[in-house]
Amino acid sequence: MQTEERSRRQDNRAMDNMRAVVRDTYGGPDVLRLERVPRPVVKGGDVLVRVRAAGVDRGVWHMMTGLPYLGRLAFGIRKPKDRVLGMDLAGTVEAVGPGVTRFAVGDAVYGSGNGSYAEYAISHETKLAAKPQSLSFEQAAAVPVSGVTALLGLRAGKIGAGQEVLVTGASGGVGSYAVQLAKAYGAQVTGVCSTRKVEFVRTLGADRVIDYTRDDFAATGPYDLILDIAGNPPVSRLRRALTPTGTAVITGGEGGGKLTGGLHRQLGALALSPFIGQRLTMFLGLVRAAELQELGPLIEAGKIAPALDRTFTLAEAKDALRFLEDGRVSGKVVLTI
């Protein structure tokens, strides 16, 4: 009887655990390891998602490395507050908290959660939406952070039909959606990328593609709207590419040093904007159900589609982050779980 009881307790503990990609310190992909950890417990408006796939993006890279240091105000000053990495997710609802009204167990969902590089992750119902039926879980996991960021960026720039729009970083996760969304809004779109990704950006529907290793986008304008995702052109260069009343929307935190990343450039642009005819702005790319629901019909109508470069398994999370870190990704990378 004691043996049976001990075996039962061991089985219960196994059911309460899950595989997850964890880290205890900031650093490169080598700080990551696959470990068994307790399964999250729902409360309030929480939704427990059985994760089928999770997106890999620069935001996760910043959380992993703790760079820029300013980001540690949110991530944890000396060490990560959250051991399990990951944000983007797609999967099925495993359990809901007592305050949840929009979802039920078994629903297929996509969105953003805490620690999505795991078999289960907690999200809030305000950060989830029904998964588009035309997408696989892997494709759906490539949408939330990047797709919503692109949507909010174009919205901040007051995108409109007939505009001349420039997208820097057009081959990346956010850029691949920005090109497609701008076309869906009726704009003429120019994408900026490296030599080996020119054909990829053309497949997204860009009307023109600029290879930044050969040509200066500032000499190709003027543009009504620039969505700057690459994170390093000087503001003066963006202004040269704009019409006298054009708008530049600056996002991303690449370059600019380890302390603030690209934030100093964004804040400088905001300070300058009231004193010139052009509009310089930034925004926060927070994943919310409203934007996910806005993207859904565009996906189902075939106007935008996830550009999935390749998938890695959960155990290959290190390789996925190295692939991203090396700048080899065209579109998005996803972990399958």
C-alpha atoms as a PDB file:
ATOM      1  CA  MET A   1       0.000   0.000   0.000  1.00  0.00           C
ATOM      2  CA  GLN A   2       2.831   2.402   0.855  1.00  0.00           C
ATOM      3  CA  THR A   3       4.449   1.674  -2.504  1.00  0.00           C
ATOM      4  CA  GLU A   4       1.172   2.387  -4.326  1.00  0.00           C
ATOM      5  CA  GLU A   5       0.665   5.647  -2.411  1.00  0.00           C
ATOM      6  CA  ARG A   6       4.228   6.772  -3.129  1.00  0.00           C
ATOM      7  CA  SER A   7       3.765   5.972  -6.819  1.00  0.00           C
ATOM      8  CA  ARG A   8       0.490   7.940  -6.861  1.00  0.00           C
ATOM      9  CA  ARG A   9       2.160  10.982  -5.310  1.00  0.00           C
ATOM     10  CA  GLN A  10       4.965  10.787  -7.873  1.00  0.00           C
ATOM     11  CA  ASP A  11       2.398  10.608 -10.698  1.00  0.00           C
ATOM     12  CA  ASN A  12       0.588  13.665  -9.319  1.00  0.00           C
ATOM     13  CA  ARG A  13       3.821  15.627  -9.078  1.00  0.00           C
ATOM     14  CA  ALA A  14       4.676  14.706 -12.660  1.00  0.00           C
ATOM     15  CA  MET A  15       1.287  15.984 -13.825  1.00  0.00           C
ATOM     16  CA  ASP A  16       1.901  19.286 -12.008  1.00  0.00           C
ATOM     17  CA  ASN A  17       5.266  19.779 -13.756  1.00  0.00           C
ATOM     18  CA  MET A  18       6.105  20.765 -17.311  1.00  0.00           C
ATOM     19  CA  ARG A  19       9.099  21.219 -19.597  1.00  0.00           C
ATOM     20  CA  ALA A  20      10.246  24.819 -19.962  1.00  0.00           C
ATOM     21  CA  VAL A  21      13.197  26.862 -21.241  1.00  0.00           C
ATOM     22  CA  VAL A  22      14.637  28.652 -18.202  1.00  0.00           C
ATOM     23  CA  ARG A  23      17.559  30.899 -17.270  1.00  0.00           C
ATOM     24  CA  ASP A  24      18.802  32.247 -13.953  1.00  0.00           C
ATOM     25  CA  THR A  25      21.022  35.024 -15.284  1.00  0.00           C
ATOM     26  CA  TYR A  26      21.230  37.387 -18.247  1.00  0.00           C
ATOM     27  CA  GLY A  27      23.380  36.488 -21.230  1.00  0.00           C
ATOM     28  CA  GLY A  28      23.489  34.891 -24.658  1.00  0.00           C
ATOM     29  CA  PRO A  29      21.697  31.708 -25.751  1.00  0.00           C
ATOM     30  CA  ASP A  30      24.094  29.575 -23.686  1.00  0.00           C
ATOM     31  CA  VAL A  31      22.356  30.700 -20.453  1.00  0.00           C
ATOM     32  CA  LEU A  32      19.218  28.807 -21.549  1.00  0.00           C
ATOM     33  CA  ARG A  33      18.447  25.258 -20.501  1.00  0.00           C
ATOM     34  CA  LEU A  34      15.483  22.887 -20.676  1.00  0.00           C
ATOM     35  CA  GLU A  35      14.168  21.994 -17.243  1.00  0.00           C
ATOM     36  CA  ARG A  36      11.062  20.634 -15.526  1.00  0.00           C
ATOM     37  CA  VAL A  37       9.285  23.324 -13.511  1.00  0.00           C
ATOM     38  CA  PRO A  38       5.894  23.643 -11.770  1.00  0.00           C
ATOM     39  CA  ARG A  39       2.945  24.221 -14.049  1.00  0.00           C
ATOM     40  CA  PRO A  40       1.397  27.727 -13.639  1.00  0.00           C
ATOM     41  CA  VAL A  41      -1.869  28.079 -11.709  1.00  0.00           C
ATOM     42  CA  VAL A  42      -4.701  30.294 -12.963  1.00  0.00           C
ATOM     43  CA  LYS A  43      -6.440  32.998 -10.928  1.00  0.00           C
ATOM     44  CA  GLY A  44      -8.718  35.951 -11.669  1.00  0.00           C
ATOM     45  CA  GLY A  45      -8.725  36.710 -15.391  1.00  0.00           C
ATOM     46  CA  ASP A  46      -5.894  34.280 -16.158  1.00  0.00           C
ATOM     47  CA  VAL A  47      -6.008  31.730 -18.958  1.00  0.00           C
ATOM     48  CA  LEU A  48      -3.777  28.655 -18.844  1.00  0.00           C
ATOM     49  CA  VAL A  49      -2.759  27.799 -22.406  1.00  0.00           C
ATOM     50  CA  ARG A  50      -1.429  24.439 -23.529  1.00  0.00           C
ATOM     51  CA  VAL A  51       1.266  25.903 -25.767  1.00  0.00           C
ATOM     52  CA  ARG A  52       1.585  24.312 -29.195  1.00  0.00           C
ATOM     53  CA  ALA A  53       4.001  26.883 -30.647  1.00  0.00           C
ATOM     54  CA  ALA A  54       5.828  30.007 -29.472  1.00  0.00           C
ATOM     55  CA  GLY A  55       7.339  32.885 -31.467  1.00  0.00           C
ATOM     56  CA  VAL A  56      10.992  33.957 -31.371  1.00  0.00           C
ATOM     57  CA  ASP A  57      11.687  37.679 -31.761  1.00  0.00           C
ATOM     58  CA  ARG A  58      13.978  40.536 -30.753  1.00  0.00           C
ATOM     59  CA  GLY A  59      11.860  41.285 -27.699  1.00  0.00           C
ATOM     60  CA  VAL A  60      12.669  37.829 -26.325  1.00  0.00           C
ATOM     61  CA  TRP A  61      16.349  38.400 -27.167  1.00  0.00           C
ATOM     62  CA  HIS A  62      16.299  41.621 -25.105  1.00  0.00           C
ATOM     63  CA  MET A  63      14.699  39.758 -22.191  1.00  0.00           C
ATOM     64  CA  MET A  64      17.322  37.020 -22.439  1.00  0.00           C
ATOM     65  CA  THR A  65      20.333  39.334 -22.580  1.00  0.00           C
ATOM     66  CA  GLY A  66      18.974  42.059 -20.285  1.00  0.00           C
ATOM     67  CA  LEU A  67      20.004  44.629 -22.905  1.00  0.00           C
ATOM     68  CA  PRO A  68      19.693  47.527 -23.012  1.00  0.00           C
ATOM     69  CA  TYR A  69      20.201  47.900 -19.271  1.00  0.00           C
ATOM     70  CA  LEU A  70      17.230  50.276 -19.106  1.00  0.00           C
ATOM     71  CA  GLY A  71      15.001  47.300 -19.877  1.00  0.00           C
ATOM     72  CA  ARG A  72      15.997  45.662 -16.604  1.00  0.00           C
ATOM     73  CA  LEU A  73      13.675  48.046 -14.809  1.00  0.00           C
ATOM     74  CA  ALA A  74      10.959  45.768 -16.194  1.00  0.00           C
ATOM     75  CA  PHE A  75      12.883  42.484 -16.594  1.00  0.00           C
ATOM     76  CA  GLY A  76      14.621  42.485 -13.189  1.00  0.00           C
ATOM     77  CA  ILE A  77      17.591  44.589 -12.073  1.00  0.00           C
ATOM     78  CA  ARG A  78      20.176  41.963 -11.101  1.00  0.00           C
ATOM     79  CA  LYS A  79      18.612  38.835 -12.507  1.00  0.00           C
ATOM     80  CA  PRO A  80      15.482  37.943 -14.509  1.00  0.00           C
ATOM     81  CA  LYS A  81      12.231  38.145 -12.561  1.00  0.00           C
ATOM     82  CA  ASP A  82      10.713  35.470 -14.783  1.00  0.00           C
ATOM     83  CA  ARG A  83      12.812  32.319 -15.145  1.00  0.00           C
ATOM     84  CA  VAL A  84      10.839  31.003 -18.139  1.00  0.00           C
ATOM     85  CA  LEU A  85      11.436  32.852 -21.411  1.00  0.00           C
ATOM     86  CA  GLY A  86       8.955  33.675 -24.176  1.00  0.00           C
ATOM     87  CA  MET A  87       5.944  35.878 -25.081  1.00  0.00           C
ATOM     88  CA  ASP A  88       4.235  34.915 -28.370  1.00  0.00           C
ATOM     89  CA  LEU A  89       2.099  31.787 -28.178  1.00  0.00           C
ATOM     90  CA  ALA A  90      -0.563  29.721 -29.883  1.00  0.00           C
ATOM     91  CA  GLY A  91      -2.324  26.741 -28.372  1.00  0.00           C
ATOM     92  CA  THR A  92      -5.477  25.529 -26.653  1.00  0.00           C
ATOM     93  CA  VAL A  93      -7.089  26.673 -23.427  1.00  0.00           C
ATOM     94  CA  GLU A  94      -6.341  24.217 -20.624  1.00  0.00           C
ATOM     95  CA  ALA A  95      -7.996  26.096 -17.731  1.00  0.00           C
ATOM     96  CA  VAL A  96      -9.510  29.506 -16.969  1.00  0.00           C
ATOM     97  CA  GLY A  97      -9.683  31.679 -13.881  1.00  0.00           C
ATOM     98  CA  PRO A  98     -13.013  32.595 -12.281  1.00  0.00           C
ATOM     99  CA  GLY A  99     -13.008  36.029 -13.929  1.00  0.00           C
ATOM    100  CA  VAL A 100     -12.642  34.785 -17.507  1.00  0.00           C
ATOM    101  CA  THR A 101     -15.701  35.274 -19.730  1.00  0.00           C
ATOM    102  CA  ARG A 102     -14.346  35.132 -23.304  1.00  0.00           C
ATOM    103  CA  PHE A 103     -12.775  31.664 -23.404  1.00  0.00           C
ATOM    104  CA  ALA A 104     -13.505  28.087 -22.410  1.00  0.00           C
ATOM    105  CA  VAL A 105     -11.411  24.963 -22.058  1.00  0.00           C
ATOM    106  CA  GLY A 106     -10.492  23.580 -25.481  1.00  0.00           C
ATOM    107  CA  ASP A 107     -10.617  26.889 -27.398  1.00  0.00           C
ATOM    108  CA  ALA A 108      -7.789  27.437 -29.897  1.00  0.00           C
ATOM    109  CA  VAL A 109      -6.157  30.808 -29.157  1.00  0.00           C
ATOM    110  CA  TYR A 110      -3.177  32.970 -30.017  1.00  0.00           C
ATOM    111  CA  GLY A 111      -1.651  36.003 -28.350  1.00  0.00           C
ATOM    112  CA  SER A 112       0.914  36.934 -25.736  1.00  0.00           C
ATOM    113  CA  GLY A 113       1.652  35.275 -22.408  1.00  0.00           C
ATOM    114  CA  ASN A 114       4.231  34.951 -19.668  1.00  0.00           C
ATOM    115  CA  GLY A 115       6.864  32.277 -20.211  1.00  0.00           C
ATOM    116  CA  SER A 116       5.584  30.802 -23.478  1.00  0.00           C
ATOM    117  CA  TYR A 117       8.714  28.689 -24.037  1.00  0.00           C
ATOM    118  CA  ALA A 118       7.070  25.919 -22.069  1.00  0.00           C
ATOM    119  CA  GLU A 119       4.379  23.277 -22.369  1.00  0.00           C
ATOM    120  CA  TYR A 120       1.944  25.568 -20.506  1.00  0.00           C
ATOM    121  CA  ALA A 121       1.850  29.330 -20.078  1.00  0.00           C
ATOM    122  CA  ILE A 122      -0.324  31.889 -18.333  1.00  0.00           C
ATOM    123  CA  SER A 123      -1.910  34.707 -20.307  1.00  0.00           C
ATOM    124  CA  HIS A 124      -4.731  37.134 -19.587  1.00  0.00           C
ATOM    125  CA  GLU A 125      -7.910  37.052 -21.612  1.00  0.00           C
ATOM    126  CA  THR A 126      -7.243  40.656 -22.720  1.00  0.00           C
ATOM    127  CA  LYS A 127      -4.073  39.435 -24.495  1.00  0.00           C
ATOM    128  CA  LEU A 128      -5.666  36.549 -26.387  1.00  0.00           C
ATOM    129  CA  ALA A 129      -7.957  36.048 -29.366  1.00  0.00           C
ATOM    130  CA  ALA A 130      -9.422  33.093 -31.229  1.00  0.00           C
ATOM    131  CA  LYS A 131      -6.799  31.582 -33.516  1.00  0.00           C
ATOM    132  CA  PRO A 132      -7.526  32.261 -37.212  1.00  0.00           C
ATOM    133  CA  GLN A 133      -8.839  28.983 -38.613  1.00  0.00           C
ATOM    134  CA  SER A 134      -6.697  29.214 -41.741  1.00  0.00           C
ATOM    135  CA  LEU A 135      -3.468  29.195 -39.727  1.00  0.00           C
ATOM    136  CA  SER A 136      -1.624  26.304 -38.143  1.00  0.00           C
ATOM    137  CA  PHE A 137      -0.496  26.755 -34.548  1.00  0.00           C
ATOM    138  CA  GLU A 138       3.048  27.393 -35.817  1.00  0.00           C
ATOM    139  CA  GLN A 139       1.868  30.121 -38.186  1.00  0.00           C
ATOM    140  CA  ALA A 140      -0.383  31.679 -35.542  1.00  0.00           C
ATOM    141  CA  ALA A 141       2.474  31.868 -33.025  1.00  0.00           C
ATOM    142  CA  ALA A 142       4.397  34.000 -35.526  1.00  0.00           C
ATOM    143  CA  VAL A 143       1.731  36.724 -35.505  1.00  0.00           C
ATOM    144  CA  PRO A 144       1.049  38.382 -32.123  1.00  0.00           C
ATOM    145  CA  VAL A 145       4.019  40.551 -31.114  1.00  0.00           C
ATOM    146  CA  SER A 146       5.305  41.283 -34.623  1.00  0.00           C
ATOM    147  CA  GLY A 147       1.918  41.611 -36.311  1.00  0.00           C
ATOM    148  CA  VAL A 148       0.469  43.859 -33.621  1.00  0.00           C
ATOM    149  CA  THR A 149       3.621  46.013 -33.538  1.00  0.00           C
ATOM    150  CA  ALA A 150       3.407  46.538 -37.301  1.00  0.00           C
ATOM    151  CA  LEU A 151      -0.300  47.391 -37.062  1.00  0.00           C
ATOM    152  CA  LEU A 152       0.207  49.884 -34.234  1.00  0.00           C
ATOM    153  CA  GLY A 153       3.178  51.456 -35.983  1.00  0.00           C
ATOM    154  CA  LEU A 154       1.251  52.094 -39.188  1.00  0.00           C
ATOM    155  CA  ARG A 155      -1.713  53.327 -37.179  1.00  0.00           C
ATOM    156  CA  ALA A 156       0.553  55.752 -35.305  1.00  0.00           C
ATOM    157  CA  GLY A 157       1.717  57.011 -38.689  1.00  0.00           C
ATOM    158  CA  LYS A 158      -1.888  57.525 -39.848  1.00  0.00           C
ATOM    159  CA  ILE A 159      -1.496  55.191 -42.824  1.00  0.00           C
ATOM    160  CA  GLY A 160      -3.775  55.906 -45.763  1.00  0.00           C
ATOM    161  CA  ALA A 161      -4.465  54.782 -49.323  1.00  0.00           C
ATOM    162  CA  GLY A 162      -2.201  56.275 -51.975  1.00  0.00           C
ATOM    163  CA  GLN A 163       0.606  57.183 -49.587  1.00  0.00           C
ATOM    164  CA  GLU A 164       4.257  56.520 -50.345  1.00  0.00           C
ATOM    165  CA  VAL A 165       5.436  54.388 -47.437  1.00  0.00           C
ATOM    166  CA  LEU A 166       8.982  53.294 -46.569  1.00  0.00           C
ATOM    167  CA  VAL A 167       9.606  50.354 -44.230  1.00  0.00           C
ATOM    168  CA  THR A 168      13.150  49.903 -42.908  1.00  0.00           C
ATOM    169  CA  GLY A 169      13.982  46.444 -41.587  1.00  0.00           C
ATOM    170  CA  ALA A 170      11.402  45.113 -44.051  1.00  0.00           C
ATOM    171  CA  SER A 171      12.690  41.527 -43.934  1.00  0.00           C
ATOM    172  CA  GLY A 172      12.312  41.113 -40.164  1.00  0.00           C
ATOM    173  CA  GLY A 173       9.402  39.925 -38.062  1.00  0.00           C
ATOM    174  CA  VAL A 174       7.711  43.316 -37.717  1.00  0.00           C
ATOM    175  CA  GLY A 175       8.798  44.514 -41.145  1.00  0.00           C
ATOM    176  CA  SER A 176       7.344  41.509 -42.963  1.00  0.00           C
ATOM    177  CA  TYR A 177       3.916  42.334 -41.541  1.00  0.00           C
ATOM    178  CA  ALA A 178       4.324  46.100 -42.041  1.00  0.00           C
ATOM    179  CA  VAL A 179       4.921  45.665 -45.778  1.00  0.00           C
ATOM    180  CA  GLN A 180       1.819  43.490 -46.163  1.00  0.00           C
ATOM    181  CA  LEU A 181      -0.386  45.684 -43.978  1.00  0.00           C
ATOM    182  CA  ALA A 182       0.651  48.877 -45.756  1.00  0.00           C
ATOM    183  CA  LYS A 183      -0.259  47.253 -49.073  1.00  0.00           C
ATOM    184  CA  ALA A 184      -3.604  46.141 -47.610  1.00  0.00           C
ATOM    185  CA  TYR A 185      -4.262  49.792 -46.692  1.00  0.00           C
ATOM    186  CA  GLY A 186      -3.657  50.804 -50.327  1.00  0.00           C
ATOM    187  CA  ALA A 187      -0.198  52.363 -49.965  1.00  0.00           C
ATOM    188  CA  GLN A 188       2.752  52.224 -52.357  1.00  0.00           C
ATOM    189  CA  VAL A 189       5.398  50.416 -50.333  1.00  0.00           C
ATOM    190  CA  THR A 190       9.178  50.519 -50.469  1.00  0.00           C
ATOM    191  CA  GLY A 191      11.085  48.060 -48.300  1.00  0.00           C
ATOM    192  CA  VAL A 192      14.688  48.364 -47.107  1.00  0.00           C
ATOM    193  CA  CYS A 193      16.755  45.231 -46.418  1.00  0.00           C
ATOM    194  CA  SER A 194      20.095  43.513 -47.049  1.00  0.00           C
ATOM    195  CA  THR A 195      21.174  42.059 -50.400  1.00  0.00           C
ATOM    196  CA  ARG A 196      20.274  38.438 -49.724  1.00  0.00           C
ATOM    197  CA  LYS A 197      16.776  39.318 -48.521  1.00  0.00           C
ATOM    198  CA  VAL A 198      15.708  41.504 -51.466  1.00  0.00           C
ATOM    199  CA  GLU A 199      13.741  38.738 -53.194  1.00  0.00           C
ATOM    200  CA  PHE A 200      12.047  37.781 -49.934  1.00  0.00           C
ATOM    201  CA  VAL A 201      10.780  41.353 -49.421  1.00  0.00           C
ATOM    202  CA  ARG A 202       9.485  41.381 -53.005  1.00  0.00           C
ATOM    203  CA  THR A 203       7.444  38.255 -52.241  1.00  0.00           C
ATOM    204  CA  LEU A 204       5.757  40.192 -49.425  1.00  0.00           C
ATOM    205  CA  GLY A 205       4.294  42.554 -52.017  1.00  0.00           C
ATOM    206  CA  ALA A 206       6.662  45.522 -51.811  1.00  0.00           C
ATOM    207  CA  ASP A 207       6.439  47.755 -54.892  1.00  0.00           C
ATOM    208  CA  ARG A 208      10.132  48.591 -54.622  1.00  0.00           C
ATOM    209  CA  VAL A 209      13.009  47.140 -52.575  1.00  0.00           C
ATOM    210  CA  ILE A 210      16.155  49.038 -51.600  1.00  0.00           C
ATOM    211  CA  ASP A 211      19.336  47.138 -50.798  1.00  0.00           C
ATOM    212  CA  TYR A 212      20.840  49.272 -48.027  1.00  0.00           C
ATOM    213  CA  THR A 213      24.346  47.970 -48.803  1.00  0.00           C
ATOM    214  CA  ARG A 214      24.158  49.655 -52.214  1.00  0.00           C
ATOM    215  CA  ASP A 215      21.700  52.540 -52.009  1.00  0.00           C
ATOM    216  CA  ASP A 216      20.750  55.228 -49.497  1.00  0.00           C
ATOM    217  CA  PHE A 217      16.995  55.227 -48.869  1.00  0.00           C
ATOM    218  CA  ALA A 218      17.197  58.949 -47.969  1.00  0.00           C
ATOM    219  CA  ALA A 219      17.956  59.673 -51.631  1.00  0.00           C
ATOM    220  CA  THR A 220      14.936  57.751 -52.948  1.00  0.00           C
ATOM    221  CA  GLY A 221      12.036  59.696 -51.406  1.00  0.00           C
ATOM    222  CA  PRO A 222      10.187  61.689 -50.575  1.00  0.00           C
ATOM    223  CA  TYR A 223       7.892  59.468 -48.517  1.00  0.00           C
ATOM    224  CA  ASP A 224       4.660  60.357 -46.756  1.00  0.00           C
ATOM    225  CA  LEU A 225       5.319  57.794 -44.010  1.00  0.00           C
ATOM    226  CA  ILE A 226       8.411  55.974 -42.779  1.00  0.00           C
ATOM    227  CA  LEU A 227       8.110  53.073 -40.368  1.00  0.00           C
ATOM    228  CA  ASP A 228      11.653  52.766 -39.026  1.00  0.00           C
ATOM    229  CA  ILE A 229      12.113  49.298 -37.559  1.00  0.00           C
ATOM    230  CA  ALA A 230      15.842  48.878 -38.253  1.00  0.00           C
ATOM    231  CA  GLY A 231      16.606  50.975 -35.181  1.00  0.00           C
ATOM    232  CA  ASN A 232      19.719  52.919 -36.202  1.00  0.00           C
ATOM    233  CA  PRO A 233      19.303  55.570 -38.954  1.00  0.00           C
ATOM    234  CA  PRO A 234      19.943  59.102 -37.612  1.00  0.00           C
ATOM    235  CA  VAL A 235      16.795  61.205 -37.318  1.00  0.00           C
ATOM    236  CA  SER A 236      18.311  63.685 -39.777  1.00  0.00           C
ATOM    237  CA  ARG A 237      18.485  60.923 -42.387  1.00  0.00           C
ATOM    238  CA  LEU A 238      14.856  59.962 -41.826  1.00  0.00           C
ATOM    239  CA  ARG A 239      13.858  63.599 -42.234  1.00  0.00           C
ATOM    240  CA  ARG A 240      15.697  63.880 -45.572  1.00  0.00           C
ATOM    241  CA  ALA A 241      13.593  60.981 -46.879  1.00  0.00           C
ATOM    242  CA  LEU A 242      10.265  62.535 -45.797  1.00  0.00           C
ATOM    243  CA  THR A 243       7.981  64.999 -47.512  1.00  0.00           C
ATOM    244  CA  PRO A 244       7.842  68.419 -45.767  1.00  0.00           C
ATOM    245  CA  THR A 245       4.757  67.249 -43.842  1.00  0.00           C
ATOM    246  CA  GLY A 246       5.562  63.534 -43.692  1.00  0.00           C
ATOM    247  CA  THR A 247       5.625  61.274 -40.634  1.00  0.00           C
ATOM    248  CA  ALA A 248       8.382  59.031 -39.298  1.00  0.00           C
ATOM    249  CA  VAL A 249       7.391  56.378 -36.752  1.00  0.00           C
ATOM    250  CA  ILE A 250      10.405  55.048 -34.870  1.00  0.00           C
ATOM    251  CA  THR A 251      10.289  51.700 -33.114  1.00  0.00           C
ATOM    252  CA  GLY A 252      12.777  49.083 -31.968  1.00  0.00           C
ATOM    253  CA  GLY A 253      15.695  49.410 -29.586  1.00  0.00           C
ATOM    254  CA  GLU A 254      18.676  48.275 -31.644  1.00  0.00           C
ATOM    255  CA  GLY A 255      21.961  50.154 -31.563  1.00  0.00           C
ATOM    256  CA  GLY A 256      22.673  53.126 -29.353  1.00  0.00           C
ATOM    257  CA  GLY A 257      24.742  51.331 -26.720  1.00  0.00           C
ATOM    258  CA  LYS A 258      24.023  48.996 -23.831  1.00  0.00           C
ATOM    259  CA  LEU A 259      22.434  51.560 -21.521  1.00  0.00           C
ATOM    260  CA  THR A 260      19.421  52.849 -23.461  1.00  0.00           C
ATOM    261  CA  GLY A 261      19.577  51.030 -26.801  1.00  0.00           C
ATOM    262  CA  GLY A 262      17.820  53.100 -29.457  1.00  0.00           C
ATOM    263  CA  LEU A 263      15.564  54.905 -26.990  1.00  0.00           C
ATOM    264  CA  HIS A 264      17.681  58.065 -26.965  1.00  0.00           C
ATOM    265  CA  ARG A 265      17.001  58.454 -30.701  1.00  0.00           C
ATOM    266  CA  GLN A 266      13.261  58.076 -30.217  1.00  0.00           C
ATOM    267  CA  LEU A 267      13.132  60.563 -27.360  1.00  0.00           C
ATOM    268  CA  GLY A 268      15.238  63.042 -29.336  1.00  0.00           C
ATOM    269  CA  ALA A 269      12.819  62.758 -32.254  1.00  0.00           C
ATOM    270  CA  LEU A 270       9.830  63.394 -29.973  1.00  0.00           C
ATOM    271  CA  ALA A 271      11.506  66.514 -28.546  1.00  0.00           C
ATOM    272  CA  LEU A 272      12.217  67.866 -32.034  1.00  0.00           C
ATOM    273  CA  SER A 273       8.821  67.106 -33.581  1.00  0.00           C
ATOM    274  CA  PRO A 274       6.837  70.121 -32.217  1.00  0.00           C
ATOM    275  CA  PHE A 275       9.275  72.551 -33.836  1.00  0.00           C
ATOM    276  CA  ILE A 276       9.243  71.257 -37.416  1.00  0.00           C
ATOM    277  CA  GLY A 277       6.695  70.647 -40.162  1.00  0.00           C
ATOM    278  CA  GLN A 278       7.323  66.929 -40.192  1.00  0.00           C
ATOM    279  CA  ARG A 279       5.903  64.605 -37.556  1.00  0.00           C
ATOM    280  CA  LEU A 280       8.261  62.345 -35.602  1.00  0.00           C
ATOM    281  CA  THR A 281       6.710  59.868 -33.212  1.00  0.00           C
ATOM    282  CA  MET A 282       7.007  56.505 -31.434  1.00  0.00           C
ATOM    283  CA  PHE A 283       4.597  54.075 -29.785  1.00  0.00           C
ATOM    284  CA  LEU A 284       4.357  51.112 -27.420  1.00  0.00           C
ATOM    285  CA  GLY A 285       3.707  47.784 -29.147  1.00  0.00           C
ATOM    286  CA  LEU A 286       1.556  46.078 -26.525  1.00  0.00           C
ATOM    287  CA  VAL A 287      -0.337  42.946 -27.581  1.00  0.00           C
ATOM    288  CA  ARG A 288      -4.068  43.271 -26.921  1.00  0.00           C
ATOM    289  CA  ALA A 289      -7.090  41.278 -27.966  1.00  0.00           C
ATOM    290  CA  ALA A 290      -8.508  44.198 -29.986  1.00  0.00           C
ATOM    291  CA  GLU A 291      -5.543  44.302 -32.372  1.00  0.00           C
ATOM    292  CA  LEU A 292      -5.383  40.521 -32.656  1.00  0.00           C
ATOM    293  CA  GLN A 293      -9.051  40.535 -33.604  1.00  0.00           C
ATOM    294  CA  GLU A 294      -8.350  43.243 -36.194  1.00  0.00           C
ATOM    295  CA  LEU A 295      -5.591  41.157 -37.756  1.00  0.00           C
ATOM    296  CA  GLY A 296      -7.766  38.023 -37.869  1.00  0.00           C
ATOM    297  CA  PRO A 297     -10.040  39.013 -40.778  1.00  0.00           C
ATOM    298  CA  LEU A 298      -7.055  40.300 -42.781  1.00  0.00           C
ATOM    299  CA  ILE A 299      -5.380  36.916 -42.309  1.00  0.00           C
ATOM    300  CA  GLU A 300      -8.522  34.975 -43.228  1.00  0.00           C
ATOM    301  CA  ALA A 301      -8.959  37.149 -46.332  1.00  0.00           C
ATOM    302  CA  GLY A 302      -5.386  36.379 -47.421  1.00  0.00           C
ATOM    303  CA  LYS A 303      -4.278  40.015 -47.250  1.00  0.00           C
ATOM    304  CA  ILE A 304      -1.512  39.232 -44.767  1.00  0.00           C
ATOM    305  CA  ALA A 305       0.220  35.953 -43.962  1.00  0.00           C
ATOM    306  CA  PRO A 306       2.929  34.923 -41.508  1.00  0.00           C
ATOM    307  CA  ALA A 307       6.325  34.677 -43.207  1.00  0.00           C
ATOM    308  CA  LEU A 308       7.652  31.635 -41.354  1.00  0.00           C
ATOM    309  CA  ASP A 309      11.371  31.112 -41.985  1.00  0.00           C
ATOM    310  CA  ARG A 310      11.799  27.885 -40.013  1.00  0.00           C
ATOM    311  CA  THR A 311      10.773  26.084 -36.855  1.00  0.00           C
ATOM    312  CA  PHE A 312      12.819  24.680 -33.970  1.00  0.00           C
ATOM    313  CA  THR A 313      11.780  22.345 -31.165  1.00  0.00           C
ATOM    314  CA  LEU A 314      11.568  23.510 -27.555  1.00  0.00           C
ATOM    315  CA  ALA A 315      14.851  21.696 -26.851  1.00  0.00           C
ATOM    316  CA  GLU A 316      16.444  23.711 -29.677  1.00  0.00           C
ATOM    317  CA  ALA A 317      15.615  27.126 -28.178  1.00  0.00           C
ATOM    318  CA  LYS A 318      19.326  27.996 -27.975  1.00  0.00           C
ATOM    319  CA  ASP A 319      19.728  27.351 -31.689  1.00  0.00           C
ATOM    320  CA  ALA A 320      16.642  29.429 -32.493  1.00  0.00           C
ATOM    321  CA  LEU A 321      17.960  32.432 -30.538  1.00  0.00           C
ATOM    322  CA  ARG A 322      21.402  32.082 -32.143  1.00  0.00           C
ATOM    323  CA  PHE A 323      19.754  32.005 -35.582  1.00  0.00           C
ATOM    324  CA  LEU A 324      17.914  35.234 -34.710  1.00  0.00           C
ATOM    325  CA  GLU A 325      21.014  36.805 -33.137  1.00  0.00           C
ATOM    326  CA  ASP A 326      23.056  36.182 -36.285  1.00  0.00           C
ATOM    327  CA  GLY A 327      20.585  38.157 -38.422  1.00  0.00           C
ATOM    328  CA  ARG A 328      19.800  35.205 -40.669  1.00  0.00           C
ATOM    329  CA  VAL A 329      16.011  35.239 -40.199  1.00  0.00           C
ATOM    330  CA  SER A 330      13.685  36.274 -43.000  1.00  0.00           C
ATOM    331  CA  GLY A 331      10.325  36.906 -41.368  1.00  0.00           C
ATOM    332  CA  LYS A 332       9.750  34.850 -38.226  1.00  0.00           C
ATOM    333  CA  VAL A 333      11.111  31.846 -36.341  1.00  0.00           C
ATOM    334  CA  VAL A 334       8.910  29.649 -34.140  1.00  0.00           C
ATOM    335  CA  LEU A 335       9.397  26.954 -31.504  1.00  0.00           C
ATOM    336  CA  THR A 336       7.142  23.908 -31.762  1.00  0.00           C
ATOM    337  CA  ILE A 337       6.086  22.345 -28.474  1.00  0.00           C
END
